[in-house]
Protein backbone atom coordinates (compact mmCIF):
# COMPACT_ATOMS: atom_id res chain seq x y z
CA MET A 1 148.77 96.47 115.03
CA ILE A 2 149.15 93.22 116.90
CA GLY A 3 151.01 90.21 115.57
CA GLN A 4 152.28 86.87 116.78
CA ALA A 5 156.01 86.40 117.00
CA GLY A 6 157.74 83.09 117.53
CA GLU A 7 156.00 79.76 117.53
CA TYR A 8 152.94 78.60 119.44
CA GLY A 9 152.04 82.04 120.74
CA GLN A 10 155.32 82.50 122.63
CA HIS A 11 155.37 86.23 122.00
CA LEU A 12 153.01 88.99 121.04
CA GLY A 13 154.29 91.76 118.83
CA VAL A 14 152.72 95.17 119.41
CA MET A 15 153.44 97.54 116.54
CA GLN A 16 152.71 101.19 115.99
CA VAL A 17 152.52 101.92 112.27
CA THR A 18 151.89 105.33 110.70
CA PHE A 19 150.67 105.55 107.12
CA ASP A 20 150.54 108.61 104.88
CA GLU A 21 147.42 109.57 102.92
CA ASN A 22 148.42 107.12 100.16
CA GLY A 23 148.71 104.17 102.52
CA VAL A 24 152.50 104.16 102.51
CA VAL A 25 154.22 103.29 105.79
CA VAL A 26 156.06 106.40 106.99
CA ASP A 27 156.95 105.27 110.52
CA ALA A 28 156.93 102.01 112.42
CA SER A 29 158.01 100.91 115.88
CA GLY A 30 157.04 98.22 118.30
CA GLU A 31 157.94 95.84 121.04
CA LEU A 32 157.95 92.13 121.66
CA LEU A 33 156.01 90.88 124.69
CA ALA A 34 156.62 87.39 126.12
CA ALA A 35 153.28 85.62 126.54
CA ASP A 36 154.50 83.83 129.67
CA ASP A 37 154.98 87.20 131.38
CA ARG A 38 151.25 87.92 131.12
CA GLU A 39 148.26 86.49 132.96
CA ALA A 40 145.56 84.94 130.82
CA ASP A 41 142.31 86.87 130.60
CA ALA A 42 139.88 84.65 132.52
CA ASP A 43 136.84 85.72 130.48
CA ALA A 44 138.63 85.16 127.16
CA ALA A 45 139.94 81.77 128.34
CA LYS A 46 136.40 80.71 129.31
CA ARG A 47 135.03 81.77 125.91
CA LEU A 48 137.81 79.91 124.11
CA GLU A 49 137.42 76.65 126.10
CA PRO A 50 135.30 74.83 123.48
CA TYR A 51 137.76 75.75 120.72
CA THR A 52 140.79 74.95 122.85
CA ALA A 53 139.49 71.47 123.64
CA GLU A 54 138.71 70.82 119.98
CA ILE A 55 142.14 72.04 118.85
CA GLU A 56 143.90 69.93 121.50
CA THR A 57 141.92 66.85 120.42
CA LEU A 58 142.91 67.44 116.80
CA ARG A 59 146.52 68.14 117.79
CA ASP A 60 146.75 64.90 119.76
CA THR A 61 145.14 62.66 117.11
CA LEU A 62 147.54 60.16 115.61
CA ILE A 63 147.15 60.02 111.83
CA GLY A 64 149.61 57.25 111.02
CA ALA A 65 152.05 59.45 109.10
CA LYS A 66 155.75 59.28 109.85
CA ALA A 67 158.30 62.00 109.17
CA ILE A 68 161.42 60.39 107.77
CA SER A 69 163.49 63.51 108.28
CA GLU A 70 163.27 66.71 110.29
CA LEU A 71 160.96 69.28 108.72
CA PRO A 72 162.09 72.71 109.92
CA THR A 73 159.76 75.64 109.40
CA PRO A 74 160.84 78.01 106.63
CA ALA A 75 161.35 80.76 109.18
CA THR A 76 163.66 78.57 111.26
CA ALA A 77 165.63 77.28 108.30
CA ALA A 78 165.97 80.68 106.65
CA ALA A 79 166.72 82.46 109.92
CA MET A 80 169.92 80.47 110.07
CA ASN A 81 171.22 82.56 107.17
CA GLY A 82 169.16 85.68 107.88
CA ALA A 83 167.10 85.44 104.69
CA CYS A 84 163.59 84.97 106.06
CA VAL A 85 160.82 87.52 105.64
CA PRO A 86 157.36 85.94 105.77
CA MET A 87 155.28 86.68 102.68
CA LYS A 88 152.58 88.40 104.77
CA GLN A 89 155.13 90.86 106.13
CA ARG A 90 157.01 91.82 102.98
CA TRP A 91 154.69 94.74 102.24
CA ALA A 92 155.90 96.53 105.39
CA ILE A 93 159.57 96.50 104.43
């Protein structure tokens, strides 16, 4: 399994998960890889160029909204007290 860890693609989580015949997780291990320690795949980057440009345009578009207070992500806020488990990942625990 491959998953994103951190924000903005900072890390890539590579997980090895073993299921029994009923689909129950019986073993799991993995490692966290820092994206900055890897070279981009030139072919993949070329294929993603049209999407990257579109995403960056959308990201940089001002919409006129103003945050009146800091809006931390649930993971960041909950991590402060150790209570965060994203909904998508609860099945694996």
